[in-house]
Structure formats: C-alpha cells, structure tokens
Amino acid sequence: MERNVMKIKQLSKYYKNFRAIKNIDLSVNKGEVTVLLGRNGAGKTTTLKSILGFVNYSGEIVILNSNINDVRDKISYIPEDKSLYENLNVKNMLKLYESIFKGFNADKAINLVERFNLPMNKKIKSFSNGMKTSLYIVFSLSQNADLFIFDEPTSSLDPIVRENVLELIRQLVIDGKSVLYTTHIIPEAEIIADKICIIEEGELLFCDYLDSIKENYVLITIPKKKNKNYAFNDVFCSLELSNAFNLIVEKKESSKFMSAETVTESLDLNTFFQTLIRGRKNDTNK
C-alpha cells in the first residue's frame, strides 16, 4: 500500500532575488501528522503556498499521486489568515459551504458548532477572534478530505479550545487521514506530531519522527577551558555558551565526548530545537 500522501523534492521559492525556501525535501504519510516547526518568518507559510499552487516555485510536488489541480477537492486547508464572510451568520455559512464543497458534512459541522459553543444565528462579525478561528476549524474538519493542511490553526484560541482542536486533529489520523501542520509552539508540536520537520531561514534542518530525537540523540555539555581551541567532529549541532558548549550527538558517537567533566542529558523537543536553531545562529555569525 502506498504510504506517501505527499512527496516534495528540492522545493525552492524566490521572491525577486530572495530565496524564501531552499531545496526542501519532505513527505507526508498516510495516517500521520507531520509538523513543520519553525519560528515566525522561517518559511512555513511559503512552503504551504507552494504546495497548494498559490505561488510559483521550482522543484517537484506530488500529492495523492497527482498534481494539486487534480486533487483540490481531496484537500482541506486552513490558512494563516482565516477570513470569513462576516455579514453572514453560522447557519448561512454552513449552507454556503455545503453548496461549494463536494462531500461537505453539514451534520458533522453542526455537531462541531455545538461542541465549540458557537451561536448559529449571530453574524460572524460579532464573534471574537477565537470564535472565528474555531468556526474556520469547524468548516475544515467537516470536509471529506484525505489530506488536511493547517497553517498555525490554533492562533488566538484559549487553552481549553486549543486542546479540543488538537484532539480532533489527532482523531483525523486515527480515521486514516493525513495532516501537514505548521506551528511555532513547541508544546503543541509535541502533543500532535508523529513526524517533526524543523525549518529555519527557509531550510529544513531536521526531519524525522518525534520519538527518534530521544532514541537517537543525546545532549552533552562540555565546560570551556582557557587557552584551549575546540573543534567538534561527528556532532549533529553545537551551541557555544558563555562557559560551556552544548553538543547534540548521535548516541552511537557519544562515547567520543565522554570524560569526567562532561554532563550527558536526554533530549526533549524544546532543548533539541533551541540548541539546533541557536547553534546555527552561532555558526552564521562567526
């Protein structure tokens, strides 16, 4: 059975002379959540816009064994800018979606509207930002899609509603759907991800299953000594601190760095992300 729902090879996007994303290779598998994790401006939204054909790009993108124009009705998308017809109420918006989108499940949408305590007969312009975001999520989750693409979907949601949304998205993969999800919120990524892809300045720095971070890597701290030059080989990344170096090392290589002065710790996603991104900045600024 074909596992890949989407496969991207050497994806790049230029805005005039600026390359916003650089040679990205990425796959999304059936029944999994792939999280594109990165800071604001890292290239997450540009990647999604390229995938959806909203901007020109170079590289190869295959979705559901086809191109985007042939499979749009099998994709549900939540953009970063979640605009709605604000002069309509929820009831009329549901009718509009049902008339536009093939396979839109109005009964499911009504159940989700009730779950999120959204008023059916009030105009959407009277809603808070969080309510508008919740409504957009309702419409997306009610589409009969195979691939769900979410760009920072929980922005402006309170913690209770956010947890509710994440549960619903995890249910999608239990039901055999596939999800590509962008966020800059590390705890959110840890909750929802099967696979983590870390993006910075338009480049993928890491892409693997979340469990592989703990299983395959370790954090080693080496104190600095005066008048000693340090060169680290066989490390995944390194971060220079004021009095020490933090190294992320594959466990199979870790014995090379062990001494009475080193400190070894297991890794969580936050430490992995911070060391990788800040270490990259150190290298860039030298």
Protein backbone atom coordinates (compact mmCIF):
# COMPACT_ATOMS: atom_id res chain seq x y z
CA MET A 1 0.00 0.00 0.00
CA GLU A 2 1.30 3.47 -0.88
CA ARG A 3 2.32 5.30 2.31
CA ASN A 4 3.14 8.68 0.77
CA VAL A 5 0.21 11.04 0.52
CA MET A 6 2.52 13.89 -0.48
CA LYS A 7 6.14 13.99 -1.57
CA ILE A 8 8.21 17.13 -2.14
CA LYS A 9 11.64 17.20 -3.76
CA GLN A 10 14.03 20.16 -3.98
CA LEU A 11 11.31 22.76 -3.38
CA SER A 12 12.55 26.35 -3.64
CA LYS A 13 10.77 29.68 -3.87
CA TYR A 14 12.26 33.04 -4.84
CA TYR A 15 10.77 36.48 -4.22
CA LYS A 16 12.83 38.52 -6.69
CA ASN A 17 16.42 37.88 -5.54
CA PHE A 18 15.45 36.48 -2.13
CA ARG A 19 15.17 32.72 -1.78
CA ALA A 20 12.43 32.19 0.81
CA ILE A 21 12.66 28.39 0.88
CA LYS A 22 15.65 26.33 -0.19
CA ASN A 23 15.73 22.81 -1.61
CA ILE A 24 13.15 21.31 0.72
CA ASP A 25 12.60 17.55 0.68
CA LEU A 26 9.54 16.49 2.64
CA SER A 27 6.99 13.69 2.71
CA VAL A 28 3.64 13.25 4.44
CA ASN A 29 2.50 9.70 5.10
CA LYS A 30 -0.99 8.27 5.35
CA GLY A 31 -2.38 8.26 8.87
CA GLU A 32 0.27 10.59 10.30
CA VAL A 33 0.66 14.19 11.45
CA THR A 34 3.75 15.86 10.00
CA VAL A 35 4.56 19.09 11.84
CA LEU A 36 6.56 21.84 10.18
CA LEU A 37 8.04 23.59 13.22
CA GLY A 38 9.77 26.93 12.96
CA ARG A 39 9.92 30.49 14.14
CA ASN A 40 7.87 33.27 12.59
CA GLY A 41 9.31 34.01 9.15
CA ALA A 42 11.11 30.67 8.87
CA GLY A 43 9.33 29.72 5.62
CA LYS A 44 6.41 27.63 6.85
CA THR A 45 3.62 29.54 5.10
CA THR A 46 5.62 29.91 1.87
CA THR A 47 6.08 26.14 1.84
CA LEU A 48 2.33 25.60 2.16
CA LYS A 49 1.52 28.21 -0.50
CA SER A 50 3.88 26.40 -2.88
CA ILE A 51 2.28 23.04 -2.12
CA LEU A 52 -1.17 24.46 -2.82
CA GLY A 53 -0.10 26.14 -6.06
CA PHE A 54 -0.75 29.66 -4.79
CA VAL A 55 2.76 30.80 -5.79
CA ASN A 56 5.24 29.76 -8.46
CA TYR A 57 8.11 27.57 -7.30
CA SER A 58 10.87 25.28 -8.50
CA GLY A 59 11.02 21.62 -7.56
CA GLU A 60 8.62 18.69 -7.62
CA ILE A 61 5.41 18.22 -5.62
CA VAL A 62 3.26 15.09 -5.91
CA ILE A 63 0.01 14.94 -3.93
CA LEU A 64 -2.12 11.79 -3.85
CA ASN A 65 -0.13 10.56 -6.88
CA SER A 66 -1.19 13.61 -8.88
CA ASN A 67 -0.76 17.39 -9.06
CA ILE A 68 -2.59 19.91 -6.92
CA ASN A 69 -5.06 20.99 -9.62
CA ASP A 70 -6.44 17.46 -9.92
CA VAL A 71 -6.88 16.81 -6.20
CA ARG A 72 -8.02 20.09 -4.66
CA ASP A 73 -11.35 18.56 -3.63
CA LYS A 74 -9.41 15.97 -1.55
CA ILE A 75 -7.54 18.64 0.45
CA SER A 76 -8.82 20.74 3.34
CA TYR A 77 -6.78 23.86 4.09
CA ILE A 78 -6.74 26.32 6.96
CA PRO A 79 -4.67 29.39 6.02
CA GLU A 80 -2.77 31.64 8.40
CA ASP A 81 -5.19 34.46 7.54
CA LYS A 82 -8.58 32.99 8.46
CA SER A 83 -11.07 35.21 6.61
CA LEU A 84 -14.82 34.55 6.66
CA TYR A 85 -17.96 36.20 5.24
CA GLU A 86 -18.58 38.29 8.34
CA ASN A 87 -22.03 39.57 7.36
CA LEU A 88 -23.39 36.00 7.33
CA ASN A 89 -24.37 34.00 10.37
CA VAL A 90 -23.13 30.46 11.03
CA LYS A 91 -26.30 28.86 9.68
CA ASN A 92 -25.93 30.63 6.32
CA MET A 93 -22.20 29.92 6.20
CA LEU A 94 -22.94 26.21 6.61
CA LYS A 95 -25.35 26.35 3.67
CA LEU A 96 -22.73 28.16 1.59
CA TYR A 97 -20.04 25.57 2.36
CA GLU A 98 -22.44 22.74 1.59
CA SER A 99 -23.16 24.25 -1.82
CA ILE A 100 -19.48 24.88 -2.67
CA PHE A 101 -17.56 21.91 -1.31
CA LYS A 102 -18.20 18.41 -2.57
CA GLY A 103 -18.56 15.99 0.33
CA PHE A 104 -19.01 18.68 2.97
CA ASN A 105 -20.64 17.03 6.01
CA ALA A 106 -23.17 19.52 7.34
CA ASP A 107 -24.27 17.25 10.19
CA LYS A 108 -20.70 16.95 11.44
CA ALA A 109 -20.31 20.72 11.14
CA ILE A 110 -23.43 21.33 13.24
CA ASN A 111 -22.15 18.94 15.92
CA LEU A 112 -18.80 20.77 15.99
CA VAL A 113 -20.51 24.17 16.15
CA GLU A 114 -22.31 22.92 19.25
CA ARG A 115 -19.09 21.45 20.67
CA PHE A 116 -17.38 24.84 20.37
CA ASN A 117 -20.46 26.68 21.73
CA LEU A 118 -20.77 28.90 18.66
CA PRO A 119 -24.08 30.73 18.17
CA MET A 120 -25.88 29.68 14.97
CA ASN A 121 -27.82 32.88 14.33
CA LYS A 122 -25.37 35.63 15.21
CA LYS A 123 -23.44 37.37 12.47
CA ILE A 124 -19.82 36.31 12.31
CA LYS A 125 -18.62 39.92 12.56
CA SER A 126 -19.80 39.89 16.19
CA PHE A 127 -17.51 36.93 17.01
CA SER A 128 -14.22 37.21 18.88
CA ASN A 129 -11.03 36.25 17.02
CA GLY A 130 -11.01 32.94 18.87
CA MET A 131 -14.60 32.19 17.86
CA LYS A 132 -13.83 32.99 14.21
CA THR A 133 -10.82 30.67 14.29
CA SER A 134 -12.94 27.93 15.87
CA LEU A 135 -15.55 28.33 13.15
CA TYR A 136 -12.92 28.08 10.40
CA ILE A 137 -11.65 24.89 12.00
CA VAL A 138 -15.22 23.53 12.09
CA PHE A 139 -15.56 24.04 8.34
CA SER A 140 -12.19 22.45 7.63
CA LEU A 141 -12.78 19.38 9.78
CA SER A 142 -16.20 18.85 8.19
CA GLN A 143 -14.79 18.38 4.69
CA ASN A 144 -14.40 14.85 3.34
CA ALA A 145 -10.69 15.28 2.59
CA ASP A 146 -7.74 12.88 2.51
CA LEU A 147 -5.11 15.48 3.32
CA PHE A 148 -5.58 18.28 5.86
CA ILE A 149 -3.17 21.22 5.72
CA PHE A 150 -3.25 23.52 8.74
CA ASP A 151 -1.22 26.75 8.95
CA GLU A 152 -0.93 27.85 12.59
CA PRO A 153 -4.55 26.75 13.19
CA THR A 154 -4.71 27.42 16.94
CA SER A 155 -3.67 31.08 16.88
CA SER A 156 -5.98 33.17 19.11
CA LEU A 157 -7.56 30.10 20.76
CA ASP A 158 -7.75 29.81 24.52
CA PRO A 159 -6.03 26.76 26.14
CA ILE A 160 -9.24 24.73 26.53
CA VAL A 161 -10.34 25.20 22.93
CA ARG A 162 -6.77 24.54 21.73
CA GLU A 163 -6.71 21.16 23.47
CA ASN A 164 -10.12 20.40 21.96
CA VAL A 165 -8.84 21.20 18.46
CA LEU A 166 -5.70 19.10 18.89
CA GLU A 167 -7.82 16.13 19.99
CA LEU A 168 -9.95 16.48 16.87
CA ILE A 169 -6.90 16.65 14.64
CA ARG A 170 -5.41 13.54 16.24
CA GLN A 171 -8.75 11.82 15.58
CA LEU A 172 -8.28 12.54 11.87
CA VAL A 173 -5.20 10.31 11.70
CA ILE A 174 -6.92 7.62 13.75
CA ASP A 175 -9.54 7.68 10.98
CA GLY A 176 -6.79 7.21 8.36
CA LYS A 177 -6.45 10.82 7.22
CA SER A 178 -3.15 12.68 6.84
CA VAL A 179 -2.14 16.05 8.25
CA LEU A 180 0.53 18.65 7.47
CA TYR A 181 0.57 21.13 10.34
CA THR A 182 2.66 24.26 10.89
CA THR A 183 3.35 25.85 14.25
CA HIS A 184 5.95 27.79 16.22
CA ILE A 185 4.60 26.46 19.53
CA ILE A 186 6.85 23.63 20.72
CA PRO A 187 4.49 22.06 23.33
CA GLU A 188 1.77 21.97 20.69
CA ALA A 189 4.09 20.20 18.26
CA GLU A 190 4.98 17.63 20.94
CA ILE A 191 1.31 16.86 21.54
CA ILE A 192 0.26 16.43 17.95
CA ALA A 193 3.25 15.30 15.86
CA ASP A 194 4.24 11.92 14.56
CA LYS A 195 6.99 13.46 12.44
CA ILE A 196 8.83 16.73 13.20
CA CYS A 197 10.42 18.84 10.45
CA ILE A 198 12.33 21.87 11.76
CA ILE A 199 12.64 24.79 9.37
CA GLU A 200 14.83 27.89 9.74
CA GLU A 201 15.55 30.58 7.15
CA GLY A 202 13.81 28.50 4.50
CA GLU A 203 15.87 25.35 5.05
CA LEU A 204 14.91 22.05 6.65
CA LEU A 205 17.43 21.38 9.40
CA PHE A 206 15.86 18.16 10.69
CA CYS A 207 13.03 15.89 9.59
CA ASP A 208 12.29 12.62 11.37
CA TYR A 209 9.85 11.00 13.74
CA LEU A 210 9.49 12.74 17.10
CA ASP A 211 10.48 9.61 19.00
CA SER A 212 13.80 9.48 17.13
CA ILE A 213 15.05 12.57 19.00
CA LYS A 214 15.07 10.75 22.33
CA GLU A 215 16.00 7.41 20.83
CA ASN A 216 18.92 8.50 18.65
CA TYR A 217 20.41 11.69 20.12
CA VAL A 218 21.86 12.92 23.41
CA LEU A 219 22.82 16.33 24.80
CA ILE A 220 26.42 16.61 26.02
CA THR A 221 27.70 19.67 27.88
CA ILE A 222 31.46 20.29 27.82
CA PRO A 223 32.92 23.00 30.09
CA LYS A 224 35.22 25.54 28.45
CA LYS A 225 38.88 25.71 29.42
CA LYS A 226 41.14 28.72 28.96
CA ASN A 227 43.64 28.67 26.12
CA LYS A 228 42.09 25.63 24.51
CA ASN A 229 40.80 25.52 20.96
CA TYR A 230 37.71 23.41 20.42
CA ALA A 231 36.81 21.62 17.21
CA PHE A 232 33.87 19.24 17.32
CA ASN A 233 33.59 16.48 14.74
CA ASP A 234 30.80 13.91 14.49
CA VAL A 235 28.22 16.18 16.16
CA PHE A 236 24.76 16.92 14.82
CA CYS A 237 24.98 20.51 16.05
CA SER A 238 26.77 22.57 18.69
CA LEU A 239 25.90 25.67 20.69
CA GLU A 240 28.56 27.85 22.33
CA LEU A 241 27.53 29.22 25.71
CA SER A 242 29.49 31.57 27.99
CA ASN A 243 31.18 28.81 29.97
CA ALA A 244 30.45 25.63 28.05
CA PHE A 245 29.46 24.00 24.77
CA ASN A 246 26.21 22.12 24.31
CA LEU A 247 26.52 19.36 21.73
CA ILE A 248 23.76 17.28 20.21
CA VAL A 249 25.35 13.98 19.30
CA GLU A 250 24.08 10.71 17.93
CA LYS A 251 24.15 8.17 20.73
CA LYS A 252 26.40 5.87 18.73
CA GLU A 253 29.02 8.66 18.62
CA SER A 254 28.61 9.87 22.21
CA SER A 255 31.46 7.82 23.73
CA LYS A 256 33.96 10.06 21.91
CA PHE A 257 32.95 13.01 24.09
CA MET A 258 32.72 11.33 27.49
CA SER A 259 35.01 12.45 30.29
CA ALA A 260 34.82 13.21 33.98
CA GLU A 261 33.87 16.80 33.14
CA THR A 262 31.10 16.20 30.62
CA VAL A 263 27.42 16.14 31.52
CA THR A 264 25.04 13.98 29.50
CA GLU A 265 21.29 14.51 29.35
CA SER A 266 18.37 13.05 27.42
CA LEU A 267 16.69 15.37 24.92
CA ASP A 268 13.21 16.77 24.69
CA LEU A 269 11.93 18.69 21.66
CA ASN A 270 12.42 22.12 23.23
CA THR A 271 16.10 21.52 24.04
CA PHE A 272 16.69 19.95 20.64
CA PHE A 273 15.02 22.87 18.83
CA GLN A 274 16.73 25.60 20.89
CA THR A 275 20.18 24.07 20.51
CA LEU A 276 19.75 23.49 16.79
CA ILE A 277 18.44 26.98 15.99
CA ARG A 278 20.71 28.94 18.33
CA GLY A 279 23.70 26.85 17.31
CA ARG A 280 23.00 27.60 13.68
CA LYS A 281 22.97 31.32 14.53
CA ASN A 282 26.32 30.96 16.25
CA ASP A 283 27.79 29.37 13.15
CA THR A 284 26.26 32.03 10.89
CA ASN A 285 27.65 34.91 12.92
CA LYS A 286 31.26 33.64 13.10
